[in-house]
Amino acid sequence: KNEKHRIDGLKDSWILEVAFGDVREDDITR
């Protein structure tokens, strides 16, 4: 939580994301 992060695609990539906590799309600070 609160850790800055980003994904850059070096190749076309499929990623499984598992999120835990209060999961809402509007919980994004850009």
PDB file of all heavy atoms in Angstrom:
ATOM      1  N   LYS A   1       0.850  -1.187   0.000  1.00  0.00           N
ATOM      2  CA  LYS A   1       0.000   0.000   0.000  1.00  0.00           C
ATOM      3  C   LYS A   1       0.892   1.246   0.000  1.00  0.00           C
ATOM      4  O   LYS A   1       1.961   1.250   0.638  1.00  0.00           O
ATOM      5  CB  LYS A   1      -0.881   0.035   1.253  1.00  0.00           C
ATOM      6  CG  LYS A   1      -1.973  -0.994   1.267  1.00  0.00           C
ATOM      7  CD  LYS A   1      -2.790  -0.864   2.546  1.00  0.00           C
ATOM      8  CE  LYS A   1      -3.829  -1.957   2.622  1.00  0.00           C
ATOM      9  NZ  LYS A   1      -4.591  -1.908   3.876  1.00  0.00           N
ATOM     10  N   ASN A   2       0.476   2.259  -0.709  1.00  0.00           N
ATOM     11  CA  ASN A   2       1.168   3.556  -0.785  1.00  0.00           C
ATOM     12  C   ASN A   2       2.526   3.512  -1.473  1.00  0.00           C
ATOM     13  O   ASN A   2       3.239   4.509  -1.479  1.00  0.00           O
ATOM     14  CB  ASN A   2       1.314   4.194   0.601  1.00  0.00           C
ATOM     15  CG  ASN A   2      -0.026   4.510   1.209  1.00  0.00           C
ATOM     16  OD1 ASN A   2      -0.856   5.161   0.582  1.00  0.00           O
ATOM     17  ND2 ASN A   2      -0.257   4.031   2.417  1.00  0.00           N
ATOM     18  N   GLU A   3       2.903   2.379  -2.056  1.00  0.00           N
ATOM     19  CA  GLU A   3       4.193   2.274  -2.742  1.00  0.00           C
ATOM     20  C   GLU A   3       4.021   2.653  -4.212  1.00  0.00           C
ATOM     21  O   GLU A   3       3.142   2.136  -4.900  1.00  0.00           O
ATOM     22  CB  GLU A   3       4.717   0.840  -2.634  1.00  0.00           C
ATOM     23  CG  GLU A   3       6.123   0.677  -3.140  1.00  0.00           C
ATOM     24  CD  GLU A   3       6.715  -0.657  -2.731  1.00  0.00           C
ATOM     25  OE1 GLU A   3       6.012  -1.691  -2.799  1.00  0.00           O
ATOM     26  OE2 GLU A   3       7.887  -0.658  -2.326  1.00  0.00           O
ATOM     27  N   LYS A   4       4.857   3.561  -4.696  1.00  0.00           N
ATOM     28  CA  LYS A   4       4.805   3.943  -6.103  1.00  0.00           C
ATOM     29  C   LYS A   4       5.225   2.755  -6.958  1.00  0.00           C
ATOM     30  O   LYS A   4       6.171   2.038  -6.620  1.00  0.00           O
ATOM     31  CB  LYS A   4       5.741   5.118  -6.394  1.00  0.00           C
ATOM     32  CG  LYS A   4       5.245   6.432  -5.868  1.00  0.00           C
ATOM     33  CD  LYS A   4       6.185   7.550  -6.297  1.00  0.00           C
ATOM     34  CE  LYS A   4       5.733   8.879  -5.766  1.00  0.00           C
ATOM     35  NZ  LYS A   4       6.651   9.969  -6.166  1.00  0.00           N
ATOM     36  N   HIS A   5       4.499   2.568  -8.082  1.00  0.00           N
ATOM     37  CA  HIS A   5       4.796   1.434  -8.952  1.00  0.00           C
ATOM     38  C   HIS A   5       4.332   1.716 -10.374  1.00  0.00           C
ATOM     39  O   HIS A   5       3.499   2.598 -10.610  1.00  0.00           O
ATOM     40  CB  HIS A   5       4.137   0.158  -8.420  1.00  0.00           C
ATOM     41  CG  HIS A   5       2.655   0.246  -8.283  1.00  0.00           C
ATOM     42  ND1 HIS A   5       2.043   0.849  -7.206  1.00  0.00           N
ATOM     43  CD2 HIS A   5       1.651  -0.174  -9.092  1.00  0.00           C
ATOM     44  CE1 HIS A   5       0.731   0.782  -7.358  1.00  0.00           C
ATOM     45  NE2 HIS A   5       0.465   0.172  -8.505  1.00  0.00           N
ATOM     46  N   ARG A   6       4.898   0.956 -11.302  1.00  0.00           N
ATOM     47  CA  ARG A   6       4.563   1.098 -12.727  1.00  0.00           C
ATOM     48  C   ARG A   6       4.995  -0.170 -13.448  1.00  0.00           C
ATOM     49  O   ARG A   6       5.962  -0.814 -13.064  1.00  0.00           O
ATOM     50  CB  ARG A   6       5.300   2.305 -13.300  1.00  0.00           C
ATOM     51  CG  ARG A   6       5.279   2.383 -14.808  1.00  0.00           C
ATOM     52  CD  ARG A   6       6.043   3.590 -15.319  1.00  0.00           C
ATOM     53  NE  ARG A   6       5.099   4.664 -15.549  1.00  0.00           N
ATOM     54  CZ  ARG A   6       5.433   5.924 -15.725  1.00  0.00           C
ATOM     55  NH1 ARG A   6       6.685   6.304 -15.674  1.00  0.00           N
ATOM     56  NH2 ARG A   6       4.517   6.827 -15.953  1.00  0.00           N
ATOM     57  N   ILE A   7       4.282  -0.502 -14.526  1.00  0.00           N
ATOM     58  CA  ILE A   7       4.662  -1.605 -15.406  1.00  0.00           C
ATOM     59  C   ILE A   7       4.976  -1.035 -16.776  1.00  0.00           C
ATOM     60  O   ILE A   7       4.173  -0.285 -17.333  1.00  0.00           O
ATOM     61  CB  ILE A   7       3.518  -2.639 -15.535  1.00  0.00           C
ATOM     62  CG1 ILE A   7       3.240  -3.317 -14.194  1.00  0.00           C
ATOM     63  CG2 ILE A   7       3.852  -3.681 -16.610  1.00  0.00           C
ATOM     64  CD1 ILE A   7       1.998  -4.207 -14.206  1.00  0.00           C
ATOM     65  N   ASP A   8       6.144  -1.394 -17.311  1.00  0.00           N
ATOM     66  CA  ASP A   8       6.537  -1.060 -18.684  1.00  0.00           C
ATOM     67  C   ASP A   8       6.581  -2.362 -19.482  1.00  0.00           C
ATOM     68  O   ASP A   8       7.260  -3.309 -19.064  1.00  0.00           O
ATOM     69  CB  ASP A   8       7.941  -0.439 -18.725  1.00  0.00           C
ATOM     70  CG  ASP A   8       7.983   0.966 -18.179  1.00  0.00           C
ATOM     71  OD1 ASP A   8       8.055   1.131 -16.946  1.00  0.00           O
ATOM     72  OD2 ASP A   8       7.957   1.894 -18.997  1.00  0.00           O
ATOM     73  N   GLY A   9       5.910  -2.404 -20.611  1.00  0.00           N
ATOM     74  CA  GLY A   9       5.923  -3.593 -21.451  1.00  0.00           C
ATOM     75  C   GLY A   9       7.152  -3.623 -22.340  1.00  0.00           C
ATOM     76  O   GLY A   9       7.250  -2.853 -23.289  1.00  0.00           O
ATOM     77  N   LEU A  10       8.104  -4.491 -22.042  1.00  0.00           N
ATOM     78  CA  LEU A  10       9.292  -4.653 -22.889  1.00  0.00           C
ATOM     79  C   LEU A  10       8.960  -5.537 -24.085  1.00  0.00           C
ATOM     80  O   LEU A  10       9.557  -5.414 -25.145  1.00  0.00           O
ATOM     81  CB  LEU A  10      10.447  -5.231 -22.082  1.00  0.00           C
ATOM     82  CG  LEU A  10      10.890  -4.375 -20.884  1.00  0.00           C
ATOM     83  CD1 LEU A  10      12.017  -5.072 -20.133  1.00  0.00           C
ATOM     84  CD2 LEU A  10      11.299  -2.983 -21.321  1.00  0.00           C
ATOM     85  N   LYS A  11       8.017  -6.449 -23.874  1.00  0.00           N
ATOM     86  CA  LYS A  11       7.432  -7.297 -24.921  1.00  0.00           C
ATOM     87  C   LYS A  11       5.939  -7.353 -24.621  1.00  0.00           C
ATOM     88  O   LYS A  11       5.516  -7.010 -23.516  1.00  0.00           O
ATOM     89  CB  LYS A  11       8.012  -8.716 -24.872  1.00  0.00           C
ATOM     90  CG  LYS A  11       9.496  -8.794 -25.150  1.00  0.00           C
ATOM     91  CD  LYS A  11       9.978 -10.236 -25.095  1.00  0.00           C
ATOM     92  CE  LYS A  11      11.471 -10.290 -25.397  1.00  0.00           C
ATOM     93  NZ  LYS A  11      11.991 -11.656 -25.286  1.00  0.00           N
ATOM     94  N   ASP A  12       5.128  -7.776 -25.576  1.00  0.00           N
ATOM     95  CA  ASP A  12       3.726  -8.017 -25.269  1.00  0.00           C
ATOM     96  C   ASP A  12       3.672  -8.971 -24.075  1.00  0.00           C
ATOM     97  O   ASP A  12       4.320 -10.025 -24.098  1.00  0.00           O
ATOM     98  CB  ASP A  12       3.002  -8.656 -26.455  1.00  0.00           C
ATOM     99  CG  ASP A  12       2.688  -7.667 -27.575  1.00  0.00           C
ATOM    100  OD1 ASP A  12       2.891  -6.444 -27.391  1.00  0.00           O
ATOM    101  OD2 ASP A  12       2.222  -8.122 -28.629  1.00  0.00           O
ATOM    102  N   SER A  13       2.926  -8.599 -23.029  1.00  0.00           N
ATOM    103  CA  SER A  13       2.969  -9.370 -21.780  1.00  0.00           C
ATOM    104  C   SER A  13       1.593  -9.550 -21.167  1.00  0.00           C
ATOM    105  O   SER A  13       0.760  -8.638 -21.201  1.00  0.00           O
ATOM    106  CB  SER A  13       3.854  -8.645 -20.756  1.00  0.00           C
ATOM    107  OG  SER A  13       5.166  -8.498 -21.232  1.00  0.00           O
ATOM    108  N   TRP A  14       1.372 -10.734 -20.595  1.00  0.00           N
ATOM    109  CA  TRP A  14       0.192 -11.023 -19.787  1.00  0.00           C
ATOM    110  C   TRP A  14       0.627 -11.119 -18.333  1.00  0.00           C
ATOM    111  O   TRP A  14       1.614 -11.790 -18.020  1.00  0.00           O
ATOM    112  CB  TRP A  14      -0.460 -12.326 -20.215  1.00  0.00           C
ATOM    113  CG  TRP A  14      -1.222 -12.213 -21.494  1.00  0.00           C
ATOM    114  CD1 TRP A  14      -0.791 -12.577 -22.738  1.00  0.00           C
ATOM    115  CD2 TRP A  14      -2.536 -11.686 -21.666  1.00  0.00           C
ATOM    116  NE1 TRP A  14      -1.769 -12.306 -23.672  1.00  0.00           N
ATOM    117  CE2 TRP A  14      -2.854 -11.759 -23.045  1.00  0.00           C
ATOM    118  CE3 TRP A  14      -3.493 -11.153 -20.791  1.00  0.00           C
ATOM    119  CZ2 TRP A  14      -4.071 -11.329 -23.557  1.00  0.00           C
ATOM    120  CZ3 TRP A  14      -4.708 -10.735 -21.311  1.00  0.00           C
ATOM    121  CH2 TRP A  14      -4.988 -10.822 -22.679  1.00  0.00           C
ATOM    122  N   ILE A  15      -0.104 -10.429 -17.467  1.00  0.00           N
ATOM    123  CA  ILE A  15       0.237 -10.356 -16.046  1.00  0.00           C
ATOM    124  C   ILE A  15      -1.008 -10.660 -15.227  1.00  0.00           C
ATOM    125  O   ILE A  15      -2.083 -10.115 -15.505  1.00  0.00           O
ATOM    126  CB  ILE A  15       0.762  -8.946 -15.689  1.00  0.00           C
ATOM    127  CG1 ILE A  15       2.003  -8.647 -16.521  1.00  0.00           C
ATOM    128  CG2 ILE A  15       1.054  -8.820 -14.195  1.00  0.00           C
ATOM    129  CD1 ILE A  15       2.165  -7.198 -16.846  1.00  0.00           C
ATOM    130  N   LEU A  16      -0.868 -11.499 -14.232  1.00  0.00           N
ATOM    131  CA  LEU A  16      -1.939 -11.745 -13.283  1.00  0.00           C
ATOM    132  C   LEU A  16      -1.731 -10.785 -12.117  1.00  0.00           C
ATOM    133  O   LEU A  16      -0.639 -10.714 -11.546  1.00  0.00           O
ATOM    134  CB  LEU A  16      -1.882 -13.195 -12.791  1.00  0.00           C
ATOM    135  CG  LEU A  16      -3.107 -13.711 -12.066  1.00  0.00           C
ATOM    136  CD1 LEU A  16      -4.309 -13.773 -13.005  1.00  0.00           C
ATOM    137  CD2 LEU A  16      -2.826 -15.079 -11.488  1.00  0.00           C
ATOM    138  N   GLU A  17      -2.766 -10.005 -11.802  1.00  0.00           N
ATOM    139  CA  GLU A  17      -2.696  -9.064 -10.684  1.00  0.00           C
ATOM    140  C   GLU A  17      -3.692  -9.507  -9.629  1.00  0.00           C
ATOM    141  O   GLU A  17      -4.874  -9.668  -9.917  1.00  0.00           O
ATOM    142  CB  GLU A  17      -3.047  -7.655 -11.151  1.00  0.00           C
ATOM    143  CG  GLU A  17      -3.123  -6.646 -10.014  1.00  0.00           C
ATOM    144  CD  GLU A  17      -3.687  -5.315 -10.462  1.00  0.00           C
ATOM    145  OE1 GLU A  17      -2.982  -4.572 -11.160  1.00  0.00           O
ATOM    146  OE2 GLU A  17      -4.865  -5.036 -10.127  1.00  0.00           O
ATOM    147  N   VAL A  18      -3.203  -9.708  -8.415  1.00  0.00           N
ATOM    148  CA  VAL A  18      -4.077 -10.008  -7.277  1.00  0.00           C
ATOM    149  C   VAL A  18      -3.938  -8.848  -6.310  1.00  0.00           C
ATOM    150  O   VAL A  18      -2.831  -8.535  -5.863  1.00  0.00           O
ATOM    151  CB  VAL A  18      -3.689 -11.339  -6.592  1.00  0.00           C
ATOM    152  CG1 VAL A  18      -4.644 -11.634  -5.443  1.00  0.00           C
ATOM    153  CG2 VAL A  18      -3.684 -12.487  -7.594  1.00  0.00           C
ATOM    154  N   ALA A  19      -5.054  -8.173  -6.043  1.00  0.00           N
ATOM    155  CA  ALA A  19      -5.050  -7.025  -5.138  1.00  0.00           C
ATOM    156  C   ALA A  19      -5.808  -7.396  -3.870  1.00  0.00           C
ATOM    157  O   ALA A  19      -6.827  -8.088  -3.925  1.00  0.00           O
ATOM    158  CB  ALA A  19      -5.696  -5.821  -5.810  1.00  0.00           C
ATOM    159  N   PHE A  20      -5.296  -6.912  -2.731  1.00  0.00           N
ATOM    160  CA  PHE A  20      -5.886  -7.184  -1.424  1.00  0.00           C
ATOM    161  C   PHE A  20      -6.169  -5.870  -0.710  1.00  0.00           C
ATOM    162  O   PHE A  20      -5.357  -4.954  -0.772  1.00  0.00           O
ATOM    163  CB  PHE A  20      -4.913  -8.002  -0.550  1.00  0.00           C
ATOM    164  CG  PHE A  20      -4.564  -9.333  -1.121  1.00  0.00           C
ATOM    165  CD1 PHE A  20      -3.403  -9.502  -1.862  1.00  0.00           C
ATOM    166  CD2 PHE A  20      -5.385 -10.426  -0.917  1.00  0.00           C
ATOM    167  CE1 PHE A  20      -3.066 -10.739  -2.391  1.00  0.00           C
ATOM    168  CE2 PHE A  20      -5.054 -11.664  -1.443  1.00  0.00           C
ATOM    169  CZ  PHE A  20      -3.898 -11.821  -2.173  1.00  0.00           C
ATOM    170  N   GLY A  21      -7.295  -5.805  -0.016  1.00  0.00           N
ATOM    171  CA  GLY A  21      -7.649  -4.608   0.745  1.00  0.00           C
ATOM    172  C   GLY A  21      -8.984  -4.073   0.275  1.00  0.00           C
ATOM    173  O   GLY A  21      -9.882  -4.830  -0.082  1.00  0.00           O
ATOM    174  N   ASP A  22      -9.106  -2.744   0.273  1.00  0.00           N
ATOM    175  CA  ASP A  22     -10.319  -2.098  -0.225  1.00  0.00           C
ATOM    176  C   ASP A  22     -10.123  -1.908  -1.722  1.00  0.00           C
ATOM    177  O   ASP A  22      -9.498  -0.942  -2.162  1.00  0.00           O
ATOM    178  CB  ASP A  22     -10.522  -0.764   0.495  1.00  0.00           C
ATOM    179  CG  ASP A  22     -11.835  -0.102   0.147  1.00  0.00           C
ATOM    180  OD1 ASP A  22     -12.641  -0.694  -0.604  1.00  0.00           O
ATOM    181  OD2 ASP A  22     -12.064   1.029   0.617  1.00  0.00           O
ATOM    182  N   VAL A  23     -10.597  -2.858  -2.507  1.00  0.00           N
ATOM    183  CA  VAL A  23     -10.324  -2.887  -3.947  1.00  0.00           C
ATOM    184  C   VAL A  23     -11.364  -2.062  -4.699  1.00  0.00           C
ATOM    185  O   VAL A  23     -12.530  -2.438  -4.803  1.00  0.00           O
ATOM    186  CB  VAL A  23     -10.229  -4.334  -4.486  1.00  0.00           C
ATOM    187  CG1 VAL A  23      -8.969  -4.998  -3.970  1.00  0.00           C
ATOM    188  CG2 VAL A  23     -11.428  -5.178  -4.102  1.00  0.00           C
ATOM    189  N   ARG A  24     -10.913  -0.903  -5.199  1.00  0.00           N
ATOM    190  CA  ARG A  24     -11.754   0.013  -5.971  1.00  0.00           C
ATOM    191  C   ARG A  24     -10.903   0.605  -7.080  1.00  0.00           C
ATOM    192  O   ARG A  24      -9.719   0.891  -6.881  1.00  0.00           O
ATOM    193  CB  ARG A  24     -12.254   1.178  -5.108  1.00  0.00           C
ATOM    194  CG  ARG A  24     -12.952   0.820  -3.839  1.00  0.00           C
ATOM    195  CD  ARG A  24     -13.383   2.077  -3.059  1.00  0.00           C
ATOM    196  NE  ARG A  24     -12.490   3.228  -3.158  1.00  0.00           N
ATOM    197  CZ  ARG A  24     -11.428   3.456  -2.372  1.00  0.00           C
ATOM    198  NH1 ARG A  24     -11.096   2.578  -1.440  1.00  0.00           N
ATOM    199  NH2 ARG A  24     -10.704   4.538  -2.518  1.00  0.00           N
ATOM    200  N   GLU A  25     -11.513   0.825  -8.232  1.00  0.00           N
ATOM    201  CA  GLU A  25     -10.781   1.441  -9.346  1.00  0.00           C
ATOM    202  C   GLU A  25     -10.400   2.891  -9.050  1.00  0.00           C
ATOM    203  O   GLU A  25      -9.442   3.403  -9.604  1.00  0.00           O
ATOM    204  CB  GLU A  25     -11.603   1.376 -10.640  1.00  0.00           C
ATOM    205  CG  GLU A  25     -11.657   0.013 -11.265  1.00  0.00           C
ATOM    206  CD  GLU A  25     -10.307  -0.511 -11.727  1.00  0.00           C
ATOM    207  OE1 GLU A  25      -9.372   0.274 -11.983  1.00  0.00           O
ATOM    208  OE2 GLU A  25     -10.175  -1.736 -11.832  1.00  0.00           O
ATOM    209  N   ASP A  26     -11.136   3.571  -8.179  1.00  0.00           N
ATOM    210  CA  ASP A  26     -10.829   4.979  -7.919  1.00  0.00           C
ATOM    211  C   ASP A  26      -9.751   5.174  -6.852  1.00  0.00           C
ATOM    212  O   ASP A  26      -9.450   6.296  -6.467  1.00  0.00           O
ATOM    213  CB  ASP A  26     -12.099   5.763  -7.557  1.00  0.00           C
ATOM    214  CG  ASP A  26     -12.749   5.306  -6.260  1.00  0.00           C
ATOM    215  OD1 ASP A  26     -12.272   4.338  -5.641  1.00  0.00           O
ATOM    216  OD2 ASP A  26     -13.754   5.939  -5.874  1.00  0.00           O
ATOM    217  N   ASP A  27      -9.137   4.089  -6.383  1.00  0.00           N
ATOM    218  CA  ASP A  27      -8.031   4.185  -5.423  1.00  0.00           C
ATOM    219  C   ASP A  27      -6.695   4.249  -6.161  1.00  0.00           C
ATOM    220  O   ASP A  27      -5.829   3.405  -5.999  1.00  0.00           O
ATOM    221  CB  ASP A  27      -8.062   2.996  -4.451  1.00  0.00           C
ATOM    222  CG  ASP A  27      -6.932   3.056  -3.431  1.00  0.00           C
ATOM    223  OD1 ASP A  27      -6.468   4.163  -3.109  1.00  0.00           O
ATOM    224  OD2 ASP A  27      -6.489   1.981  -2.989  1.00  0.00           O
ATOM    225  N   ILE A  28      -6.557   5.268  -7.015  1.00  0.00           N
ATOM    226  CA  ILE A  28      -5.316   5.449  -7.774  1.00  0.00           C
ATOM    227  C   ILE A  28      -4.861   6.885  -7.606  1.00  0.00           C
ATOM    228  O   ILE A  28      -5.612   7.820  -7.870  1.00  0.00           O
ATOM    229  CB  ILE A  28      -5.515   5.168  -9.282  1.00  0.00           C
ATOM    230  CG1 ILE A  28      -5.909   3.718  -9.527  1.00  0.00           C
ATOM    231  CG2 ILE A  28      -4.242   5.509 -10.068  1.00  0.00           C
ATOM    232  CD1 ILE A  28      -6.227   3.405 -10.977  1.00  0.00           C
ATOM    233  N   THR A  29      -3.623   7.046  -7.140  1.00  0.00           N
ATOM    234  CA  THR A  29      -2.968   8.353  -7.157  1.00  0.00           C
ATOM    235  C   THR A  29      -1.928   8.275  -8.260  1.00  0.00           C
ATOM    236  O   THR A  29      -1.018   7.444  -8.197  1.00  0.00           O
ATOM    237  CB  THR A  29      -2.297   8.663  -5.806  1.00  0.00           C
ATOM    238  OG1 THR A  29      -3.293   8.650  -4.791  1.00  0.00           O
ATOM    239  CG2 THR A  29      -1.610  10.022  -5.842  1.00  0.00           C
ATOM    240  N   ARG A  30      -2.081   9.106  -9.301  1.00  0.00           N
ATOM    241  CA  ARG A  30      -1.139   9.101 -10.429  1.00  0.00           C
ATOM    242  C   ARG A  30      -0.102  10.194 -10.232  1.00  0.00           C
ATOM    243  O   ARG A  30      -0.443  11.334  -9.955  1.00  0.00           O
ATOM    244  CB  ARG A  30      -1.884   9.295 -11.747  1.00  0.00           C
ATOM    245  CG  ARG A  30      -2.662   8.079 -12.180  1.00  0.00           C
ATOM    246  CD  ARG A  30      -3.161   8.206 -13.627  1.00  0.00           C
ATOM    247  NE  ARG A  30      -3.749   6.961 -14.056  1.00  0.00           N
ATOM    248  CZ  ARG A  30      -5.043   6.672 -13.938  1.00  0.00           C
ATOM    249  NH1 ARG A  30      -5.866   7.538 -13.418  1.00  0.00           N
ATOM    250  NH2 ARG A  30      -5.492   5.503 -14.351  1.00  0.00           N
TER     251      ARG A  30
END
